[in-house]
Amino acid sequence: MKKENIKLLALDIDGTILPHKKETVSKELKEGLKKAEELGIKILIATGRHFKFIPKLLLDDLKPDYLVTINGGCLVDKQGNILESHEIPVNTLERLIKECEKKDIGLGLKCKEDIVVYHNYDKYVEYYVGFDSPLAKLIIDDTKNKNYHLKHGLPLGLFLIEKDEVINSLIPLFPELTFAASHINGSDAFMNNTTKATTIESFIKKQNISWENVMSFGDAGNDLEMILKAKIGVAMGNSKDENLKEKADYITDTVENDGVLKALKHFEII
């Protein structure tokens, strides 16, 4: 592998470059990514998070020019300005709301401007960020009216909170959705035709590069497509997704042990 063939690093955040409860990357990884940029390699964040929920310290340290957020639902610049977005169809949303009410699943909508809860607000906030987090105040409670999407636009992604077996019972009811476990008792949900990979593909075409020039890193099911498409797809050692590990080109060390940095060195990218 010639390091000059890689022109873009697509990096998931949680469990990939950011350990649990950390606000930014390690000093060593920061220096490694800076070295990659000095070699002409672009850094692209590809996360399930809404832009508002990405730590400012992380953005200040890495200074990515572009970010794929909400599992491909959105492409934003470093100020959070939306450059591209993909909505969940209203029919899908309305059906899912009913099922989440029936099964008592915490349901959050990741919209352009906000994260809005439509069912079981307390469960959602407690699990998603915790009531003691400053981020809790950013989550809107619309469990009574459930009409935010009618006034401000359809969601770009969804997050469900309940035990895996309950969320998995939705799979046959929503063949148009991908349910990707992101945490214990928490799953992202997004349209099959909108993933991190589809929005990365749109981005790289504008940069006049291809997947042959991309190295992707991830730890969960919502990273699978970009791992498969990239020239080098790297799964984190801490990943609990055996399918992701099986299909990745390489399994690196854990996020706590700077697995991304070790993989960059292993493939002589830096």
C-alpha atoms as a PDB file:
ATOM      1  CA  MET A   1       0.000   0.000   0.000  1.00  0.00           C
ATOM      2  CA  LYS A   2       1.423   3.318  -1.067  1.00  0.00           C
ATOM      3  CA  LYS A   3       0.450   5.951   1.427  1.00  0.00           C
ATOM      4  CA  GLU A   4      -0.110   8.527  -1.312  1.00  0.00           C
ATOM      5  CA  ASN A   5      -3.096   6.472  -2.548  1.00  0.00           C
ATOM      6  CA  ILE A   6      -5.052   7.414   0.564  1.00  0.00           C
ATOM      7  CA  LYS A   7      -6.404  10.935   0.309  1.00  0.00           C
ATOM      8  CA  LEU A   8      -9.228  10.856   2.864  1.00  0.00           C
ATOM      9  CA  LEU A   9      -9.663   9.422   6.351  1.00  0.00           C
ATOM     10  CA  ALA A  10     -13.331   8.873   7.290  1.00  0.00           C
ATOM     11  CA  LEU A  11     -13.535   8.723  11.071  1.00  0.00           C
ATOM     12  CA  ASP A  12     -16.435   7.695  13.255  1.00  0.00           C
ATOM     13  CA  ILE A  13     -16.446   9.442  16.646  1.00  0.00           C
ATOM     14  CA  ASP A  14     -17.824   7.357  19.524  1.00  0.00           C
ATOM     15  CA  GLY A  15     -15.846   4.215  20.216  1.00  0.00           C
ATOM     16  CA  THR A  16     -13.461   5.019  17.350  1.00  0.00           C
ATOM     17  CA  ILE A  17     -11.573   8.245  18.049  1.00  0.00           C
ATOM     18  CA  LEU A  18     -13.425   9.235  21.211  1.00  0.00           C
ATOM     19  CA  PRO A  19     -13.479   6.991  24.290  1.00  0.00           C
ATOM     20  CA  HIS A  20     -16.558   6.998  26.525  1.00  0.00           C
ATOM     21  CA  LYS A  21     -17.030  10.266  28.455  1.00  0.00           C
ATOM     22  CA  LYS A  22     -14.071  11.963  26.742  1.00  0.00           C
ATOM     23  CA  GLU A  23     -14.359  15.339  25.008  1.00  0.00           C
ATOM     24  CA  THR A  24     -11.485  14.995  22.551  1.00  0.00           C
ATOM     25  CA  VAL A  25      -8.849  12.648  21.163  1.00  0.00           C
ATOM     26  CA  SER A  26      -5.543  11.766  22.789  1.00  0.00           C
ATOM     27  CA  LYS A  27      -2.549  14.000  22.227  1.00  0.00           C
ATOM     28  CA  GLU A  28      -0.859  11.205  20.249  1.00  0.00           C
ATOM     29  CA  LEU A  29      -3.806  10.707  17.899  1.00  0.00           C
ATOM     30  CA  LYS A  30      -4.178  14.451  17.409  1.00  0.00           C
ATOM     31  CA  GLU A  31      -0.526  14.654  16.361  1.00  0.00           C
ATOM     32  CA  GLY A  32      -0.906  11.625  14.084  1.00  0.00           C
ATOM     33  CA  LEU A  33      -3.916  13.109  12.292  1.00  0.00           C
ATOM     34  CA  LYS A  34      -2.113  16.424  11.933  1.00  0.00           C
ATOM     35  CA  LYS A  35       0.792  14.562  10.315  1.00  0.00           C
ATOM     36  CA  ALA A  36      -1.642  12.922   7.880  1.00  0.00           C
ATOM     37  CA  GLU A  37      -3.031  16.340   6.928  1.00  0.00           C
ATOM     38  CA  GLU A  38       0.486  17.635   6.356  1.00  0.00           C
ATOM     39  CA  LEU A  39       0.863  14.792   3.847  1.00  0.00           C
ATOM     40  CA  GLY A  40      -2.192  16.085   1.984  1.00  0.00           C
ATOM     41  CA  ILE A  41      -4.747  13.676   3.468  1.00  0.00           C
ATOM     42  CA  LYS A  42      -8.153  15.163   4.325  1.00  0.00           C
ATOM     43  CA  ILE A  43      -9.952  14.355   7.578  1.00  0.00           C
ATOM     44  CA  LEU A  44     -13.705  13.733   7.397  1.00  0.00           C
ATOM     45  CA  ILE A  45     -15.785  13.051  10.509  1.00  0.00           C
ATOM     46  CA  ALA A  46     -18.583  10.524   9.879  1.00  0.00           C
ATOM     47  CA  THR A  47     -20.804  10.163  12.913  1.00  0.00           C
ATOM     48  CA  GLY A  48     -24.278   9.296  14.080  1.00  0.00           C
ATOM     49  CA  ARG A  49     -24.257  12.407  16.253  1.00  0.00           C
ATOM     50  CA  HIS A  50     -26.113  15.612  15.507  1.00  0.00           C
ATOM     51  CA  PHE A  51     -23.654  18.479  14.955  1.00  0.00           C
ATOM     52  CA  LYS A  52     -24.859  20.186  18.151  1.00  0.00           C
ATOM     53  CA  PHE A  53     -23.817  17.112  20.145  1.00  0.00           C
ATOM     54  CA  ILE A  54     -20.222  16.991  18.924  1.00  0.00           C
ATOM     55  CA  PRO A  55     -17.848  18.356  21.606  1.00  0.00           C
ATOM     56  CA  LYS A  56     -16.447  21.769  20.695  1.00  0.00           C
ATOM     57  CA  LEU A  57     -13.057  20.717  22.028  1.00  0.00           C
ATOM     58  CA  LEU A  58     -12.970  17.834  19.539  1.00  0.00           C
ATOM     59  CA  LEU A  59     -13.817  20.178  16.659  1.00  0.00           C
ATOM     60  CA  ASP A  60     -11.190  22.679  17.812  1.00  0.00           C
ATOM     61  CA  ASP A  61      -8.530  19.984  18.043  1.00  0.00           C
ATOM     62  CA  LEU A  62      -9.212  18.221  14.724  1.00  0.00           C
ATOM     63  CA  LYS A  63     -10.583  21.165  12.726  1.00  0.00           C
ATOM     64  CA  PRO A  64     -12.368  19.051  10.101  1.00  0.00           C
ATOM     65  CA  ASP A  65     -13.665  21.147   7.198  1.00  0.00           C
ATOM     66  CA  TYR A  66     -16.614  18.816   6.640  1.00  0.00           C
ATOM     67  CA  LEU A  67     -18.623  16.343   8.694  1.00  0.00           C
ATOM     68  CA  VAL A  68     -21.101  13.640   7.774  1.00  0.00           C
ATOM     69  CA  THR A  69     -23.571  13.642  10.661  1.00  0.00           C
ATOM     70  CA  ILE A  70     -26.752  11.762  11.656  1.00  0.00           C
ATOM     71  CA  ASN A  71     -25.504   8.586   9.943  1.00  0.00           C
ATOM     72  CA  GLY A  72     -25.412  10.231   6.538  1.00  0.00           C
ATOM     73  CA  GLY A  73     -28.603  12.212   7.004  1.00  0.00           C
ATOM     74  CA  CYS A  74     -26.577  15.408   6.832  1.00  0.00           C
ATOM     75  CA  LEU A  75     -23.372  16.874   5.408  1.00  0.00           C
ATOM     76  CA  VAL A  76     -22.233  20.024   7.199  1.00  0.00           C
ATOM     77  CA  ASP A  77     -19.248  22.336   7.129  1.00  0.00           C
ATOM     78  CA  LYS A  78     -17.151  23.102  10.199  1.00  0.00           C
ATOM     79  CA  GLN A  79     -19.614  25.781  11.322  1.00  0.00           C
ATOM     80  CA  GLY A  80     -22.506  23.327  11.148  1.00  0.00           C
ATOM     81  CA  ASN A  81     -24.040  24.824   8.022  1.00  0.00           C
ATOM     82  CA  ILE A  82     -26.041  22.161   6.182  1.00  0.00           C
ATOM     83  CA  LEU A  83     -24.745  21.402   2.694  1.00  0.00           C
ATOM     84  CA  GLU A  84     -26.788  18.271   2.016  1.00  0.00           C
ATOM     85  CA  SER A  85     -29.635  16.536   3.852  1.00  0.00           C
ATOM     86  CA  HIS A  86     -31.834  13.442   3.516  1.00  0.00           C
ATOM     87  CA  GLU A  87     -35.188  13.183   5.290  1.00  0.00           C
ATOM     88  CA  ILE A  88     -37.069  10.218   6.734  1.00  0.00           C
ATOM     89  CA  PRO A  89     -40.397   9.927   4.794  1.00  0.00           C
ATOM     90  CA  VAL A  90     -43.459  11.034   6.737  1.00  0.00           C
ATOM     91  CA  ASN A  91     -45.238   7.697   6.270  1.00  0.00           C
ATOM     92  CA  THR A  92     -42.316   5.823   7.821  1.00  0.00           C
ATOM     93  CA  LEU A  93     -42.127   8.295  10.694  1.00  0.00           C
ATOM     94  CA  GLU A  94     -45.842   8.133  11.494  1.00  0.00           C
ATOM     95  CA  ARG A  95     -45.868   4.322  11.502  1.00  0.00           C
ATOM     96  CA  LEU A  96     -42.768   4.223  13.711  1.00  0.00           C
ATOM     97  CA  ILE A  97     -44.282   6.657  16.222  1.00  0.00           C
ATOM     98  CA  LYS A  98     -47.257   4.323  16.681  1.00  0.00           C
ATOM     99  CA  GLU A  99     -45.059   1.262  17.157  1.00  0.00           C
ATOM    100  CA  CYS A 100     -42.814   3.035  19.662  1.00  0.00           C
ATOM    101  CA  GLU A 101     -45.854   4.100  21.667  1.00  0.00           C
ATOM    102  CA  LYS A 102     -47.191   0.557  21.599  1.00  0.00           C
ATOM    103  CA  LYS A 103     -43.870  -0.980  22.720  1.00  0.00           C
ATOM    104  CA  ASP A 104     -42.900   1.929  25.024  1.00  0.00           C
ATOM    105  CA  ILE A 105     -39.695   2.647  23.105  1.00  0.00           C
ATOM    106  CA  GLY A 106     -37.932   5.954  23.740  1.00  0.00           C
ATOM    107  CA  LEU A 107     -38.027   7.741  20.380  1.00  0.00           C
ATOM    108  CA  GLY A 108     -35.878  10.716  19.422  1.00  0.00           C
ATOM    109  CA  LEU A 109     -35.854  12.544  16.090  1.00  0.00           C
ATOM    110  CA  LYS A 110     -32.593  14.010  14.816  1.00  0.00           C
ATOM    111  CA  CYS A 111     -33.786  17.012  12.821  1.00  0.00           C
ATOM    112  CA  LYS A 112     -31.865  19.755  11.024  1.00  0.00           C
ATOM    113  CA  GLU A 113     -31.834  22.098  13.996  1.00  0.00           C
ATOM    114  CA  ASP A 114     -32.703  19.980  17.028  1.00  0.00           C
ATOM    115  CA  ILE A 115     -33.089  16.595  18.644  1.00  0.00           C
ATOM    116  CA  VAL A 116     -36.734  16.143  19.594  1.00  0.00           C
ATOM    117  CA  VAL A 117     -38.291  13.363  21.685  1.00  0.00           C
ATOM    118  CA  TYR A 118     -41.696  12.000  20.671  1.00  0.00           C
ATOM    119  CA  HIS A 119     -42.044   9.195  23.209  1.00  0.00           C
ATOM    120  CA  ASN A 120     -40.731   8.518  26.720  1.00  0.00           C
ATOM    121  CA  TYR A 121     -38.741  11.728  27.210  1.00  0.00           C
ATOM    122  CA  ASP A 122     -37.307  10.819  30.626  1.00  0.00           C
ATOM    123  CA  LYS A 123     -36.004   7.454  29.453  1.00  0.00           C
ATOM    124  CA  TYR A 124     -34.535   9.063  26.358  1.00  0.00           C
ATOM    125  CA  VAL A 125     -32.678  11.894  28.108  1.00  0.00           C
ATOM    126  CA  GLU A 126     -31.463   9.732  30.978  1.00  0.00           C
ATOM    127  CA  TYR A 127     -29.987   7.186  28.610  1.00  0.00           C
ATOM    128  CA  TYR A 128     -28.871   9.461  25.774  1.00  0.00           C
ATOM    129  CA  VAL A 129     -26.902  12.065  27.754  1.00  0.00           C
ATOM    130  CA  GLY A 130     -28.036  11.942  31.394  1.00  0.00           C
ATOM    131  CA  PHE A 131     -30.018  14.679  33.130  1.00  0.00           C
ATOM    132  CA  ASP A 132     -26.844  16.066  34.711  1.00  0.00           C
ATOM    133  CA  SER A 133     -25.299  16.754  31.302  1.00  0.00           C
ATOM    134  CA  PRO A 134     -25.434  20.286  29.833  1.00  0.00           C
ATOM    135  CA  LEU A 135     -26.573  18.614  26.605  1.00  0.00           C
ATOM    136  CA  ALA A 136     -29.840  17.557  28.257  1.00  0.00           C
ATOM    137  CA  LYS A 137     -31.251  21.055  27.867  1.00  0.00           C
ATOM    138  CA  LEU A 138     -30.761  20.806  24.100  1.00  0.00           C
ATOM    139  CA  ILE A 139     -33.223  17.923  23.799  1.00  0.00           C
ATOM    140  CA  ILE A 140     -36.756  19.127  23.105  1.00  0.00           C
ATOM    141  CA  ASP A 141     -39.736  17.390  24.721  1.00  0.00           C
ATOM    142  CA  ASP A 142     -42.551  17.120  22.173  1.00  0.00           C
ATOM    143  CA  THR A 143     -44.115  13.963  23.576  1.00  0.00           C
ATOM    144  CA  LYS A 144     -47.479  15.698  24.000  1.00  0.00           C
ATOM    145  CA  ASN A 145     -48.032  17.219  20.548  1.00  0.00           C
ATOM    146  CA  LYS A 146     -45.615  15.249  18.338  1.00  0.00           C
ATOM    147  CA  ASN A 147     -45.843  17.942  15.683  1.00  0.00           C
ATOM    148  CA  TYR A 148     -42.296  19.356  15.541  1.00  0.00           C
ATOM    149  CA  HIS A 149     -41.764  17.739  12.115  1.00  0.00           C
ATOM    150  CA  LEU A 150     -44.845  19.472  10.732  1.00  0.00           C
ATOM    151  CA  LYS A 151     -43.472  22.897  11.650  1.00  0.00           C
ATOM    152  CA  HIS A 152     -39.709  22.475  11.220  1.00  0.00           C
ATOM    153  CA  GLY A 153     -39.187  19.641   8.751  1.00  0.00           C
ATOM    154  CA  LEU A 154     -38.900  15.867   8.813  1.00  0.00           C
ATOM    155  CA  PRO A 155     -36.094  14.157  10.757  1.00  0.00           C
ATOM    156  CA  LEU A 156     -32.839  13.169   9.081  1.00  0.00           C
ATOM    157  CA  GLY A 157     -32.338  10.242  11.450  1.00  0.00           C
ATOM    158  CA  LEU A 158     -33.810   8.527  14.494  1.00  0.00           C
ATOM    159  CA  PHE A 159     -32.583   7.085  17.766  1.00  0.00           C
ATOM    160  CA  LEU A 160     -34.496   4.451  19.739  1.00  0.00           C
ATOM    161  CA  ILE A 161     -33.978   3.461  23.350  1.00  0.00           C
ATOM    162  CA  GLU A 162     -35.084   0.064  24.589  1.00  0.00           C
ATOM    163  CA  LYS A 163     -33.695  -3.469  24.922  1.00  0.00           C
ATOM    164  CA  ASP A 164     -32.280  -4.938  21.730  1.00  0.00           C
ATOM    165  CA  GLU A 165     -34.944  -7.634  21.463  1.00  0.00           C
ATOM    166  CA  VAL A 166     -37.720  -5.030  21.561  1.00  0.00           C
ATOM    167  CA  ILE A 167     -36.081  -2.857  18.917  1.00  0.00           C
ATOM    168  CA  ASN A 168     -35.332  -5.929  16.797  1.00  0.00           C
ATOM    169  CA  SER A 169     -39.051  -6.712  16.745  1.00  0.00           C
ATOM    170  CA  LEU A 170     -39.446  -3.601  14.563  1.00  0.00           C
ATOM    171  CA  ILE A 171     -37.163  -4.912  11.817  1.00  0.00           C
ATOM    172  CA  PRO A 172     -39.788  -6.938   9.887  1.00  0.00           C
ATOM    173  CA  LEU A 173     -42.248  -4.045  10.170  1.00  0.00           C
ATOM    174  CA  PHE A 174     -39.874  -1.497   8.623  1.00  0.00           C
ATOM    175  CA  PRO A 175     -37.961  -3.079   5.718  1.00  0.00           C
ATOM    176  CA  GLU A 176     -37.059   0.406   4.503  1.00  0.00           C
ATOM    177  CA  LEU A 177     -35.066   1.141   7.681  1.00  0.00           C
ATOM    178  CA  THR A 178     -31.726  -0.048   8.991  1.00  0.00           C
ATOM    179  CA  PHE A 179     -31.594  -0.492  12.763  1.00  0.00           C
ATOM    180  CA  ALA A 180     -27.995  -0.327  13.964  1.00  0.00           C
ATOM    181  CA  ALA A 181     -27.196  -0.971  17.627  1.00  0.00           C
ATOM    182  CA  SER A 182     -24.943   1.848  18.788  1.00  0.00           C
ATOM    183  CA  HIS A 183     -24.953   1.316  22.546  1.00  0.00           C
ATOM    184  CA  ILE A 184     -26.465  -1.103  25.053  1.00  0.00           C
ATOM    185  CA  ASN A 185     -30.236  -0.691  24.724  1.00  0.00           C
ATOM    186  CA  GLY A 186     -29.892   1.987  22.054  1.00  0.00           C
ATOM    187  CA  SER A 187     -30.120   1.884  18.261  1.00  0.00           C
ATOM    188  CA  ASP A 188     -29.835   4.316  15.402  1.00  0.00           C
ATOM    189  CA  ALA A 189     -32.453   4.000  12.685  1.00  0.00           C
ATOM    190  CA  PHE A 190     -31.988   5.393   9.188  1.00  0.00           C
ATOM    191  CA  MET A 191     -33.221   4.773   5.655  1.00  0.00           C
ATOM    192  CA  ASN A 192     -31.497   1.913   3.843  1.00  0.00           C
ATOM    193  CA  ASN A 193     -30.599   4.245   0.987  1.00  0.00           C
ATOM    194  CA  THR A 194     -29.100   6.898   3.292  1.00  0.00           C
ATOM    195  CA  THR A 195     -25.987   5.861   5.203  1.00  0.00           C
ATOM    196  CA  LYS A 196     -22.665   7.366   6.151  1.00  0.00           C
ATOM    197  CA  ALA A 197     -21.337   5.760   2.972  1.00  0.00           C
ATOM    198  CA  THR A 198     -23.884   7.322   0.592  1.00  0.00           C
ATOM    199  CA  THR A 199     -23.183  10.816   1.864  1.00  0.00           C
ATOM    200  CA  ILE A 200     -19.425  10.227   1.885  1.00  0.00           C
ATOM    201  CA  GLU A 201     -19.745   9.092  -1.729  1.00  0.00           C
ATOM    202  CA  SER A 202     -21.533  12.299  -2.650  1.00  0.00           C
ATOM    203  CA  PHE A 203     -18.779  14.253  -0.912  1.00  0.00           C
ATOM    204  CA  ILE A 204     -15.802  12.461  -2.471  1.00  0.00           C
ATOM    205  CA  LYS A 205     -17.212  12.848  -5.969  1.00  0.00           C
ATOM    206  CA  LYS A 206     -17.111  16.607  -5.457  1.00  0.00           C
ATOM    207  CA  GLN A 207     -13.510  16.231  -4.271  1.00  0.00           C
ATOM    208  CA  ASN A 208     -12.617  14.299  -7.457  1.00  0.00           C
ATOM    209  CA  ILE A 209     -11.509  11.230  -5.515  1.00  0.00           C
ATOM    210  CA  SER A 210     -12.948   7.710  -5.211  1.00  0.00           C
ATOM    211  CA  TRP A 211     -13.360   5.021  -2.570  1.00  0.00           C
ATOM    212  CA  GLU A 212      -9.942   3.748  -3.704  1.00  0.00           C
ATOM    213  CA  ASN A 213      -8.541   6.809  -1.950  1.00  0.00           C
ATOM    214  CA  VAL A 214     -10.476   6.380   1.318  1.00  0.00           C
ATOM    215  CA  MET A 215      -9.558   4.734   4.614  1.00  0.00           C
ATOM    216  CA  SER A 216     -12.538   4.325   6.977  1.00  0.00           C
ATOM    217  CA  PHE A 217     -12.644   3.607  10.710  1.00  0.00           C
ATOM    218  CA  GLY A 218     -15.610   2.492  12.816  1.00  0.00           C
ATOM    219  CA  ASP A 219     -16.863   0.338  15.652  1.00  0.00           C
ATOM    220  CA  ALA A 220     -20.602  -0.224  15.084  1.00  0.00           C
ATOM    221  CA  GLY A 221     -23.235  -1.365  12.597  1.00  0.00           C
ATOM    222  CA  ASN A 222     -23.790   2.161  11.318  1.00  0.00           C
ATOM    223  CA  ASP A 223     -20.167   2.133  10.091  1.00  0.00           C
ATOM    224  CA  LEU A 224     -20.464  -1.059   8.040  1.00  0.00           C
ATOM    225  CA  GLU A 225     -21.179   0.473   4.639  1.00  0.00           C
ATOM    226  CA  MET A 226     -18.246   2.882   4.752  1.00  0.00           C
ATOM    227  CA  ILE A 227     -15.985   0.087   6.008  1.00  0.00           C
ATOM    228  CA  LEU A 228     -17.014  -2.105   3.069  1.00  0.00           C
ATOM    229  CA  LYS A 229     -16.626   0.581   0.408  1.00  0.00           C
ATOM    230  CA  ALA A 230     -13.314   2.086   1.488  1.00  0.00           C
ATOM    231  CA  LYS A 231     -10.023   0.908   0.043  1.00  0.00           C
ATOM    232  CA  ILE A 232      -9.061   0.128   3.651  1.00  0.00           C
ATOM    233  CA  GLY A 233     -11.841  -0.486   6.140  1.00  0.00           C
ATOM    234  CA  VAL A 234     -10.717  -0.683   9.767  1.00  0.00           C
ATOM    235  CA  ALA A 235     -12.778  -2.048  12.661  1.00  0.00           C
ATOM    236  CA  MET A 236     -11.921  -1.057  16.205  1.00  0.00           C
ATOM    237  CA  GLY A 237     -10.775  -3.717  18.639  1.00  0.00           C
ATOM    238  CA  ASN A 238     -13.463  -2.615  21.106  1.00  0.00           C
ATOM    239  CA  SER A 239     -16.263  -3.203  18.566  1.00  0.00           C
ATOM    240  CA  LYS A 240     -18.953  -5.610  19.731  1.00  0.00           C
ATOM    241  CA  ASP A 241     -20.242  -6.008  16.164  1.00  0.00           C
ATOM    242  CA  GLU A 242     -18.827  -9.325  14.952  1.00  0.00           C
ATOM    243  CA  ASN A 243     -20.184  -8.768  11.438  1.00  0.00           C
ATOM    244  CA  LEU A 244     -18.263  -5.492  11.182  1.00  0.00           C
ATOM    245  CA  LYS A 245     -15.057  -7.146  12.370  1.00  0.00           C
ATOM    246  CA  GLU A 246     -15.504 -10.042   9.964  1.00  0.00           C
ATOM    247  CA  LYS A 247     -15.941  -7.768   6.947  1.00  0.00           C
ATOM    248  CA  ALA A 248     -13.299  -5.178   7.796  1.00  0.00           C
ATOM    249  CA  ASP A 249      -9.916  -5.316   6.086  1.00  0.00           C
ATOM    250  CA  TYR A 250      -8.178  -4.921   9.411  1.00  0.00           C
ATOM    251  CA  ILE A 251      -9.007  -5.028  13.114  1.00  0.00           C
ATOM    252  CA  THR A 252      -6.955  -2.548  15.088  1.00  0.00           C
ATOM    253  CA  ASP A 253      -6.501  -1.928  18.815  1.00  0.00           C
ATOM    254  CA  THR A 254      -9.194  -0.368  21.004  1.00  0.00           C
ATOM    255  CA  VAL A 255     -10.172   3.296  21.092  1.00  0.00           C
ATOM    256  CA  GLU A 256      -8.600   3.634  24.544  1.00  0.00           C
ATOM    257  CA  ASN A 257      -5.315   2.360  23.106  1.00  0.00           C
ATOM    258  CA  ASP A 258      -5.359   4.690  20.074  1.00  0.00           C
ATOM    259  CA  GLY A 259      -6.370   1.998  17.604  1.00  0.00           C
ATOM    260  CA  VAL A 260      -6.792   4.555  14.810  1.00  0.00           C
ATOM    261  CA  LEU A 261      -3.242   5.788  15.221  1.00  0.00           C
ATOM    262  CA  LYS A 262      -1.879   2.228  15.289  1.00  0.00           C
ATOM    263  CA  ALA A 263      -3.732   1.363  12.075  1.00  0.00           C
ATOM    264  CA  LEU A 264      -2.372   4.459  10.327  1.00  0.00           C
ATOM    265  CA  LYS A 265       1.125   3.363  11.261  1.00  0.00           C
ATOM    266  CA  HIS A 266       0.444  -0.280  10.339  1.00  0.00           C
ATOM    267  CA  PHE A 267      -0.537   0.704   6.807  1.00  0.00           C
ATOM    268  CA  GLU A 268       2.293   3.257   6.636  1.00  0.00           C
ATOM    269  CA  ILE A 269      -0.121   6.114   6.042  1.00  0.00           C
ATOM    270  CA  ILE A 270       1.963   8.193   8.441  1.00  0.00           C
END
